[in-house]
């Protein structure tokens, strides 16, 4: 039986999340580390004031469920932003810069897994954690710094789209490797191939179903419109989970398909508030599950991994800027922007937790995400100053000033 304080506890939790969100907004900073930190502060050792339990012991299952919905809405909205058609059009920037980005970061994960002496499954999760940039933070940083029209932004978005597709496949692989509970190579390979087949089939067939979906959505009230959209979202996500494909990938696929709908703008407007609200609760619920007292052993490893990530991203930014014909200084713009880590890293850490892998993965991802979600936006903001300090300002060719005699001679 639910306690009479349950709704009040949830209200307090949402109020606290809103409060730290206002603080981060005032500081003009990413809200993600604030949401995680307030959850960590309250999650394990918070006091009980009267009937109010600030550790949210009783309401935590409901908060966790809201966090689970947050993952679905985050990935669904991401799919709406990156349609299949847009992926095809951005092929060059995706394949060149994206390949370097994924390879360098994945190898960084292998290196850290070797240094930390982790088993194979934990190393594969670590590789995913270190390869997955935070689309939410990247988009916010580009908007806040008013760099959306800059030439390097198209390259950044192409690279992050490639990264998102790779992470979708890697999550499917991890689901087969970890969540099935099988150690057989063929079972894992079969599950991974099934996931790949599901994704490809859904993208191909789903695009053909878009006209029929548009017909269903035609002239519908807001109530019926959003019911149809959410029914598609939850059915696809739920079905994908039944075949050992992470539900988050099902949500991403649903978004990618609906991105080609003629009602895409209306869908985005209706989904955005749900994505923002439940996404905030996702990061808060993740923080609640972490005991700060257990993080000590992971701090040094996470700090080393953060440095390796920034270095690898700048290197991938260098190759991407060269292929795109950009200036060398754009390599730090690209690398620092993409260094942010957030939602995908946490999703993969949660897969490791569900598969009962070593607890060090959870501790590592908390510190790693906190470091890069704070440092990456700061580095991005100061990227031009950092480049100038290291290599000097780019030389600007000055056009010769024409004198009056030059003009008279030209006319003559």
Protein backbone atom coordinates (compact mmCIF):
# COMPACT_ATOMS: atom_id res chain seq x y z
CA UNK A 1 0.00 0.00 0.00
CA UNK A 2 1.32 3.41 -0.99
CA UNK A 3 2.17 5.85 1.78
CA UNK A 4 0.29 9.13 2.05
CA UNK A 5 3.67 10.90 1.79
CA UNK A 6 4.56 9.37 -1.60
CA UNK A 7 3.21 12.24 -3.72
CA UNK A 8 4.79 14.77 -1.37
CA UNK A 9 8.18 13.03 -1.65
CA UNK A 10 7.96 13.04 -5.43
CA UNK A 11 6.96 16.69 -5.34
CA UNK A 12 9.99 17.51 -3.18
CA UNK A 13 12.26 15.51 -5.53
CA UNK A 14 10.96 17.39 -8.58
CA UNK A 15 11.27 20.68 -6.69
CA UNK A 16 14.91 19.98 -5.83
CA UNK A 17 15.67 19.05 -9.42
CA UNK A 18 14.03 22.30 -10.56
CA UNK A 19 16.02 24.29 -7.98
CA UNK A 20 19.41 23.01 -9.13
CA UNK A 21 18.27 23.50 -12.72
CA UNK A 22 17.62 27.18 -11.97
CA UNK A 23 21.07 27.46 -10.39
CA UNK A 24 22.76 25.91 -13.43
CA UNK A 25 20.74 28.19 -15.72
CA UNK A 26 21.89 31.22 -13.74
CA UNK A 27 25.48 30.01 -14.09
CA UNK A 28 24.86 29.34 -17.82
CA UNK A 29 26.12 25.80 -17.40
CA UNK A 30 25.04 22.28 -18.35
CA UNK A 31 22.31 21.00 -16.01
CA UNK A 32 23.32 17.34 -16.22
CA UNK A 33 26.06 17.35 -13.53
CA UNK A 34 23.76 19.34 -11.22
CA UNK A 35 20.97 16.75 -11.57
CA UNK A 36 23.39 13.91 -10.82
CA UNK A 37 25.02 15.69 -7.88
CA UNK A 38 21.74 16.55 -6.09
CA UNK A 39 20.75 12.89 -6.41
CA UNK A 40 24.08 11.74 -4.98
CA UNK A 41 23.85 14.16 -2.07
CA UNK A 42 20.36 12.93 -1.13
CA UNK A 43 20.42 9.32 -2.28
CA UNK A 44 22.23 7.35 0.40
CA UNK A 45 22.85 9.45 3.50
CA UNK A 46 20.15 12.15 3.49
CA UNK A 47 18.30 12.77 6.79
CA UNK A 48 14.64 12.13 7.53
CA UNK A 49 12.76 15.28 8.51
CA UNK A 50 9.48 14.37 10.19
CA UNK A 51 7.58 12.14 7.80
CA UNK A 52 9.69 13.26 4.84
CA UNK A 53 12.49 10.90 3.85
CA UNK A 54 15.01 12.92 1.80
CA UNK A 55 16.69 9.68 0.76
CA UNK A 56 13.39 8.93 -1.08
CA UNK A 57 13.49 5.31 0.03
CA UNK A 58 9.78 4.66 -0.58
CA UNK A 59 9.38 6.80 -3.69
CA UNK A 60 12.63 5.65 -5.31
CA UNK A 61 11.01 2.84 -7.38
CA UNK A 62 8.64 5.41 -8.90
CA UNK A 63 11.50 7.89 -9.47
CA UNK A 64 13.50 5.09 -11.11
CA UNK A 65 10.54 4.37 -13.40
CA UNK A 66 10.38 8.05 -14.37
CA UNK A 67 14.10 7.83 -15.10
CA UNK A 68 13.48 4.81 -17.30
CA UNK A 69 10.87 6.80 -19.23
CA UNK A 70 13.45 9.58 -19.47
CA UNK A 71 15.81 7.29 -21.39
CA UNK A 72 13.04 6.45 -23.87
CA UNK A 73 12.09 10.09 -24.43
CA UNK A 74 15.73 11.19 -24.76
CA UNK A 75 16.47 8.56 -27.39
CA UNK A 76 13.13 9.04 -29.15
CA UNK A 77 13.73 12.79 -29.45
CA UNK A 78 17.27 12.16 -30.66
CA UNK A 79 15.86 9.99 -33.43
CA UNK A 80 13.43 12.76 -34.38
CA UNK A 81 16.37 15.15 -34.76
CA UNK A 82 18.41 12.75 -36.94
CA UNK A 83 16.19 11.42 -39.70
CA UNK A 84 17.33 8.61 -42.00
CA UNK A 85 17.28 11.03 -44.93
CA UNK A 86 19.56 13.45 -43.10
CA UNK A 87 21.95 10.63 -42.23
CA UNK A 88 22.26 9.72 -45.91
CA UNK A 89 22.84 13.36 -46.99
CA UNK A 90 25.58 13.84 -44.38
CA UNK A 91 27.46 10.76 -45.52
CA UNK A 92 30.86 12.38 -46.13
CA UNK A 93 31.22 14.14 -42.79
CA UNK A 94 29.82 11.09 -41.00
CA UNK A 95 32.17 8.54 -42.55
CA UNK A 96 35.42 10.50 -42.34
CA UNK A 97 35.39 12.34 -39.03
CA UNK A 98 33.02 9.85 -37.40
CA UNK A 99 35.23 6.86 -38.14
CA UNK A 100 38.32 8.51 -36.65
CA UNK A 101 36.28 9.61 -33.64
CA UNK A 102 34.88 6.15 -32.89
CA UNK A 103 38.14 4.28 -33.51
CA UNK A 104 40.26 6.58 -31.34
CA UNK A 105 37.79 6.65 -28.47
CA UNK A 106 37.07 2.92 -28.61
CA UNK A 107 40.81 2.20 -28.51
CA UNK A 108 41.05 4.56 -25.52
CA UNK A 109 38.47 2.37 -23.79
CA UNK A 110 40.51 -0.75 -24.58
CA UNK A 111 43.59 0.95 -23.17
CA UNK A 112 41.83 1.94 -19.95
CA UNK A 113 40.30 -1.52 -19.59
CA UNK A 114 43.78 -3.05 -19.91
CA UNK A 115 45.29 -0.60 -17.41
CA UNK A 116 42.47 -1.27 -14.93
CA UNK A 117 42.81 -5.05 -15.49
CA UNK A 118 39.08 -5.44 -16.22
CA UNK A 119 37.43 -8.61 -17.59
CA UNK A 120 36.17 -8.67 -21.18
CA UNK A 121 32.55 -7.72 -20.45
CA UNK A 122 33.52 -4.81 -18.23
CA UNK A 123 36.05 -3.64 -20.84
CA UNK A 124 33.38 -3.65 -23.55
CA UNK A 125 31.08 -1.55 -21.36
CA UNK A 126 33.99 0.81 -20.63
CA UNK A 127 34.68 1.16 -24.37
CA UNK A 128 31.07 2.18 -24.92
CA UNK A 129 31.18 4.64 -22.02
CA UNK A 130 34.30 6.33 -23.39
CA UNK A 131 33.09 6.39 -27.01
CA UNK A 132 29.67 7.93 -26.45
CA UNK A 133 29.50 11.71 -26.59
CA UNK A 134 26.57 13.52 -24.96
CA UNK A 135 24.29 14.81 -27.70
CA UNK A 136 22.30 16.81 -25.14
CA UNK A 137 25.35 18.69 -23.82
CA UNK A 138 26.86 19.20 -27.29
CA UNK A 139 23.64 20.71 -28.64
CA UNK A 140 23.30 23.00 -25.61
CA UNK A 141 26.92 24.18 -25.78
CA UNK A 142 26.71 24.98 -29.50
CA UNK A 143 23.50 26.92 -28.92
CA UNK A 144 24.71 28.80 -25.84
CA UNK A 145 27.98 29.80 -27.52
CA UNK A 146 26.10 30.77 -30.72
CA UNK A 147 28.27 28.52 -32.85
CA UNK A 148 25.46 26.71 -34.69
CA UNK A 149 26.28 28.61 -37.91
CA UNK A 150 30.05 28.00 -37.67
CA UNK A 151 31.66 25.84 -40.38
CA UNK A 152 32.88 23.23 -37.87
CA UNK A 153 29.37 22.67 -36.50
CA UNK A 154 28.28 20.62 -39.52
CA UNK A 155 31.31 18.37 -39.00
CA UNK A 156 30.53 18.06 -35.27
CA UNK A 157 26.94 17.05 -35.97
CA UNK A 158 28.04 14.55 -38.62
CA UNK A 159 30.51 12.98 -36.20
CA UNK A 160 27.99 12.80 -33.38
CA UNK A 161 25.41 11.22 -35.70
CA UNK A 162 27.93 8.54 -36.65
CA UNK A 163 28.77 8.07 -32.97
CA UNK A 164 25.09 7.71 -32.07
CA UNK A 165 24.63 5.03 -34.73
CA UNK A 166 27.71 3.18 -33.52
CA UNK A 167 26.53 3.40 -29.90
CA UNK A 168 23.14 2.02 -30.94
CA UNK A 169 24.89 -1.01 -32.39
CA UNK A 170 27.22 -1.31 -29.40
CA UNK A 171 24.31 -1.23 -26.96
CA UNK A 172 22.71 -4.04 -28.97
CA UNK A 173 25.98 -5.99 -28.75
CA UNK A 174 26.20 -5.37 -24.99
CA UNK A 175 22.60 -6.51 -24.59
CA UNK A 176 23.48 -9.80 -26.25
CA UNK A 177 26.74 -10.13 -24.33
CA UNK A 178 25.51 -9.15 -20.86
CA UNK A 179 21.73 -9.22 -20.52
CA UNK A 180 21.17 -12.67 -22.03
CA UNK A 181 23.38 -14.19 -19.36
CA UNK A 182 25.06 -16.43 -21.91
CA UNK A 183 28.80 -16.89 -22.29
CA UNK A 184 28.51 -18.75 -25.59
CA UNK A 185 30.05 -16.89 -28.53
CA UNK A 186 27.35 -18.11 -30.90
CA UNK A 187 24.54 -17.06 -28.57
CA UNK A 188 26.01 -13.58 -28.22
CA UNK A 189 26.68 -13.34 -31.97
CA UNK A 190 23.16 -14.56 -32.74
CA UNK A 191 21.59 -12.01 -30.41
CA UNK A 192 23.73 -9.21 -31.83
CA UNK A 193 22.84 -10.18 -35.42
CA UNK A 194 19.18 -10.33 -34.43
CA UNK A 195 19.50 -6.81 -33.05
CA UNK A 196 21.17 -5.61 -36.25
CA UNK A 197 18.49 -7.28 -38.35
CA UNK A 198 15.76 -5.70 -36.24
CA UNK A 199 17.29 -2.23 -36.62
CA UNK A 200 17.77 -2.51 -40.39
CA UNK A 201 14.36 -4.09 -40.99
CA UNK A 202 12.65 -1.50 -38.84
CA UNK A 203 14.36 1.38 -40.66
CA UNK A 204 13.50 -0.02 -44.10
CA UNK A 205 9.92 -1.08 -43.35
CA UNK A 206 9.26 1.81 -41.00
CA UNK A 207 9.98 4.43 -43.67
CA UNK A 208 7.40 2.77 -45.92
CA UNK A 209 4.84 2.92 -43.12
CA UNK A 210 5.28 6.66 -42.60
CA UNK A 211 2.56 7.63 -45.15
CA UNK A 212 0.10 5.31 -43.38
CA UNK A 213 1.06 6.78 -39.99
CA UNK A 214 0.62 10.29 -41.38
CA UNK A 215 -2.84 9.33 -42.56
CA UNK A 216 -3.75 8.15 -39.04
CA UNK A 217 -2.39 11.39 -37.55
CA UNK A 218 -4.21 13.63 -40.02
CA UNK A 219 -6.56 16.20 -38.42
CA UNK A 220 -6.34 14.61 -34.98
CA UNK A 221 -6.75 16.52 -31.74
CA UNK A 222 -3.67 17.00 -29.55
CA UNK A 223 -4.96 14.30 -27.20
CA UNK A 224 -5.34 11.63 -29.89
CA UNK A 225 -2.21 12.77 -31.69
CA UNK A 226 0.06 12.28 -28.69
CA UNK A 227 -1.67 9.00 -27.74
CA UNK A 228 -0.88 7.55 -31.17
CA UNK A 229 2.75 8.77 -31.03
CA UNK A 230 3.35 7.44 -27.52
CA UNK A 231 1.66 4.13 -28.35
CA UNK A 232 4.13 3.66 -31.22
CA UNK A 233 7.04 4.66 -28.99
CA UNK A 234 6.26 2.27 -26.13
CA UNK A 235 5.22 -0.66 -28.33
CA UNK A 236 8.42 -0.48 -30.41
CA UNK A 237 10.62 0.00 -27.31
CA UNK A 238 8.87 -2.80 -25.44
CA UNK A 239 9.03 -5.20 -28.39
CA UNK A 240 12.75 -4.53 -28.89
CA UNK A 241 13.38 -5.44 -25.25
CA UNK A 242 11.65 -8.79 -25.69
CA UNK A 243 14.22 -9.78 -28.36
CA UNK A 244 17.15 -8.62 -26.16
CA UNK A 245 17.60 -5.31 -27.98
CA UNK A 246 17.84 -2.48 -25.47
CA UNK A 247 14.52 -0.62 -25.19
CA UNK A 248 16.43 2.64 -25.68
CA UNK A 249 17.41 1.48 -29.18
CA UNK A 250 13.77 0.73 -29.97
CA UNK A 251 12.92 4.29 -28.93
CA UNK A 252 15.73 5.64 -31.13
CA UNK A 253 14.47 3.62 -34.12
CA UNK A 254 10.92 4.89 -33.61
CA UNK A 255 12.22 8.45 -33.61
CA UNK A 256 14.33 7.91 -36.74
CA UNK A 257 11.29 6.61 -38.63
CA UNK A 258 8.90 9.35 -37.49
CA UNK A 259 11.52 11.98 -38.36
CA UNK A 260 10.38 11.58 -41.99
CA UNK A 261 6.75 12.30 -41.09
CA UNK A 262 5.11 15.44 -42.45
CA UNK A 263 4.05 16.16 -38.86
CA UNK A 264 7.60 16.13 -37.49
CA UNK A 265 7.42 19.68 -36.12
CA UNK A 266 4.21 18.94 -34.23
CA UNK A 267 5.63 15.69 -32.87
CA UNK A 268 8.76 17.49 -31.62
CA UNK A 269 6.73 20.22 -29.94
CA UNK A 270 4.58 17.69 -28.09
CA UNK A 271 7.45 15.39 -27.08
CA UNK A 272 9.93 18.09 -26.00
CA UNK A 273 8.37 18.81 -22.55
CA UNK A 274 8.24 15.07 -21.75
CA UNK A 275 11.86 14.68 -22.85
CA UNK A 276 12.99 17.56 -20.67
CA UNK A 277 11.04 16.52 -17.57
CA UNK A 278 11.66 12.78 -17.61
CA UNK A 279 15.23 13.30 -18.86
CA UNK A 280 15.95 15.39 -15.76
CA UNK A 281 14.48 12.64 -13.58
CA UNK A 282 16.71 10.10 -15.35
CA UNK A 283 19.89 11.90 -14.27
CA UNK A 284 18.46 12.51 -10.79
CA UNK A 285 17.50 8.85 -10.33
CA UNK A 286 20.98 7.82 -11.47
CA UNK A 287 22.48 10.09 -8.81
CA UNK A 288 20.19 8.57 -6.17
CA UNK A 289 21.63 5.13 -6.88
CA UNK A 290 25.21 6.24 -6.19
CA UNK A 291 26.86 6.28 -2.78
CA UNK A 292 29.53 9.04 -2.84
CA UNK A 293 31.54 7.12 -0.24
CA UNK A 294 32.25 4.37 -2.79
CA UNK A 295 33.74 6.63 -5.46
CA UNK A 296 37.25 6.99 -4.04
CA UNK A 297 38.80 4.08 -5.89
CA UNK A 298 37.55 5.28 -9.27
CA UNK A 299 38.57 8.94 -9.07
CA UNK A 300 42.15 8.53 -10.34
CA UNK A 301 41.16 6.15 -13.15
CA UNK A 302 38.28 8.41 -14.24
CA UNK A 303 40.56 11.45 -14.23
CA UNK A 304 43.13 9.63 -16.40
CA UNK A 305 40.35 8.48 -18.74
CA UNK A 306 39.03 12.05 -19.02
CA UNK A 307 42.47 13.31 -20.08
CA UNK A 308 42.81 10.47 -22.60
CA UNK A 309 39.33 11.25 -23.97
CA UNK A 310 40.04 14.95 -24.48
CA UNK A 311 43.36 14.15 -26.21
CA UNK A 312 41.74 11.51 -28.44
CA UNK A 313 38.90 13.83 -29.36
CA UNK A 314 41.24 16.66 -30.33
CA UNK A 315 43.17 14.18 -32.50
CA UNK A 316 39.95 13.04 -34.19
CA UNK A 317 38.97 16.70 -34.58
CA UNK A 318 42.28 17.33 -36.36
CA UNK A 319 41.62 14.58 -38.93
CA UNK A 320 37.98 15.65 -39.35
CA UNK A 321 38.89 19.30 -39.92
CA UNK A 322 41.50 18.30 -42.52
CA UNK A 323 39.03 16.14 -44.46
CA UNK A 324 36.43 18.92 -44.31
CA UNK A 325 38.91 21.56 -45.50
CA UNK A 326 38.70 23.58 -42.28
CA UNK A 327 41.45 25.46 -40.49
CA UNK A 328 43.71 23.63 -38.05
CA UNK A 329 42.36 25.63 -35.11
CA UNK A 330 38.93 24.08 -35.74
CA UNK A 331 40.34 20.78 -34.49
CA UNK A 332 40.19 22.00 -30.87
CA UNK A 333 36.68 23.40 -31.43
CA UNK A 334 35.55 19.98 -32.62
CA UNK A 335 37.50 17.93 -30.08
CA UNK A 336 36.55 19.94 -26.99
CA UNK A 337 32.87 20.10 -27.99
CA UNK A 338 32.58 16.34 -28.49
CA UNK A 339 34.45 15.51 -25.27
CA UNK A 340 31.30 15.90 -23.15
CA UNK A 341 29.90 12.66 -21.74
CA UNK A 342 26.40 12.12 -20.35
CA UNK A 343 23.26 10.15 -21.13
CA UNK A 344 24.68 7.33 -23.31
CA UNK A 345 27.55 6.64 -20.91
CA UNK A 346 25.06 6.27 -18.06
CA UNK A 347 22.77 4.03 -20.14
CA UNK A 348 25.64 1.64 -20.83
CA UNK A 349 26.75 1.70 -17.20
CA UNK A 350 23.17 0.74 -16.28
CA UNK A 351 23.40 -2.23 -18.65
CA UNK A 352 26.51 -3.29 -16.76
CA UNK A 353 24.65 -2.91 -13.47
CA UNK A 354 21.70 -4.97 -14.75
CA UNK A 355 24.18 -7.66 -15.79
CA UNK A 356 25.78 -7.58 -12.29
CA UNK A 357 29.21 -6.60 -13.56
CA UNK A 358 31.90 -5.23 -11.26
CA UNK A 359 30.72 -2.21 -9.20
CA UNK A 360 33.78 -0.23 -10.30
CA UNK A 361 31.99 0.48 -13.60
CA UNK A 362 29.26 2.45 -11.79
CA UNK A 363 31.78 4.38 -9.70
CA UNK A 364 33.93 5.07 -12.76
CA UNK A 365 31.10 6.40 -14.91
CA UNK A 366 29.89 8.79 -12.20
CA UNK A 367 33.26 10.50 -11.82
CA UNK A 368 34.03 10.31 -15.55
CA UNK A 369 30.71 11.87 -16.58
CA UNK A 370 30.91 14.55 -13.89
CA UNK A 371 34.44 15.56 -14.95
CA UNK A 372 33.72 15.76 -18.67
CA UNK A 373 30.23 17.24 -18.40
CA UNK A 374 31.85 20.12 -16.46
CA UNK A 375 35.25 20.43 -18.15
CA UNK A 376 34.23 19.92 -21.81
CA UNK A 377 31.86 22.93 -21.99
CA UNK A 378 34.50 25.10 -20.28
CA UNK A 379 37.18 23.98 -22.74
CA UNK A 380 34.81 24.57 -25.66
CA UNK A 381 34.06 28.08 -24.46
CA UNK A 382 37.77 28.90 -24.23
CA UNK A 383 38.90 26.85 -27.26
CA UNK A 384 40.02 29.87 -29.29
CA UNK A 385 42.05 31.28 -26.39
CA UNK A 386 43.63 27.86 -25.77
CA UNK A 387 44.62 27.55 -29.44
CA UNK A 388 46.05 31.07 -29.51
CA UNK A 389 48.01 30.42 -26.30
CA UNK A 390 49.51 27.21 -27.69
CA UNK A 391 50.08 28.10 -31.34
CA UNK A 392 49.54 31.85 -31.64
CA UNK A 393 46.86 33.66 -33.58
CA UNK A 394 46.25 32.77 -37.20
CA UNK A 395 47.88 35.23 -39.54
CA UNK A 396 45.38 37.39 -41.38
CA UNK A 397 46.46 38.59 -44.78
CA UNK A 398 46.15 42.36 -44.95
CA UNK A 399 45.04 43.84 -48.21
CA UNK A 400 47.28 46.73 -49.37
CA UNK A 401 45.76 50.12 -48.74
CA UNK A 402 45.11 51.93 -51.99
CA UNK A 403 46.27 55.51 -52.13
CA UNK A 404 44.72 58.32 -54.14
CA UNK A 405 47.55 58.09 -56.71
CA UNK A 406 46.88 54.36 -57.18
CA UNK A 407 43.24 55.08 -57.98
CA UNK A 408 44.19 57.88 -60.40
CA UNK A 409 46.68 55.62 -62.18
CA UNK A 410 44.02 52.87 -62.47
CA UNK A 411 41.55 55.31 -63.98
CA UNK A 412 44.19 56.66 -66.31
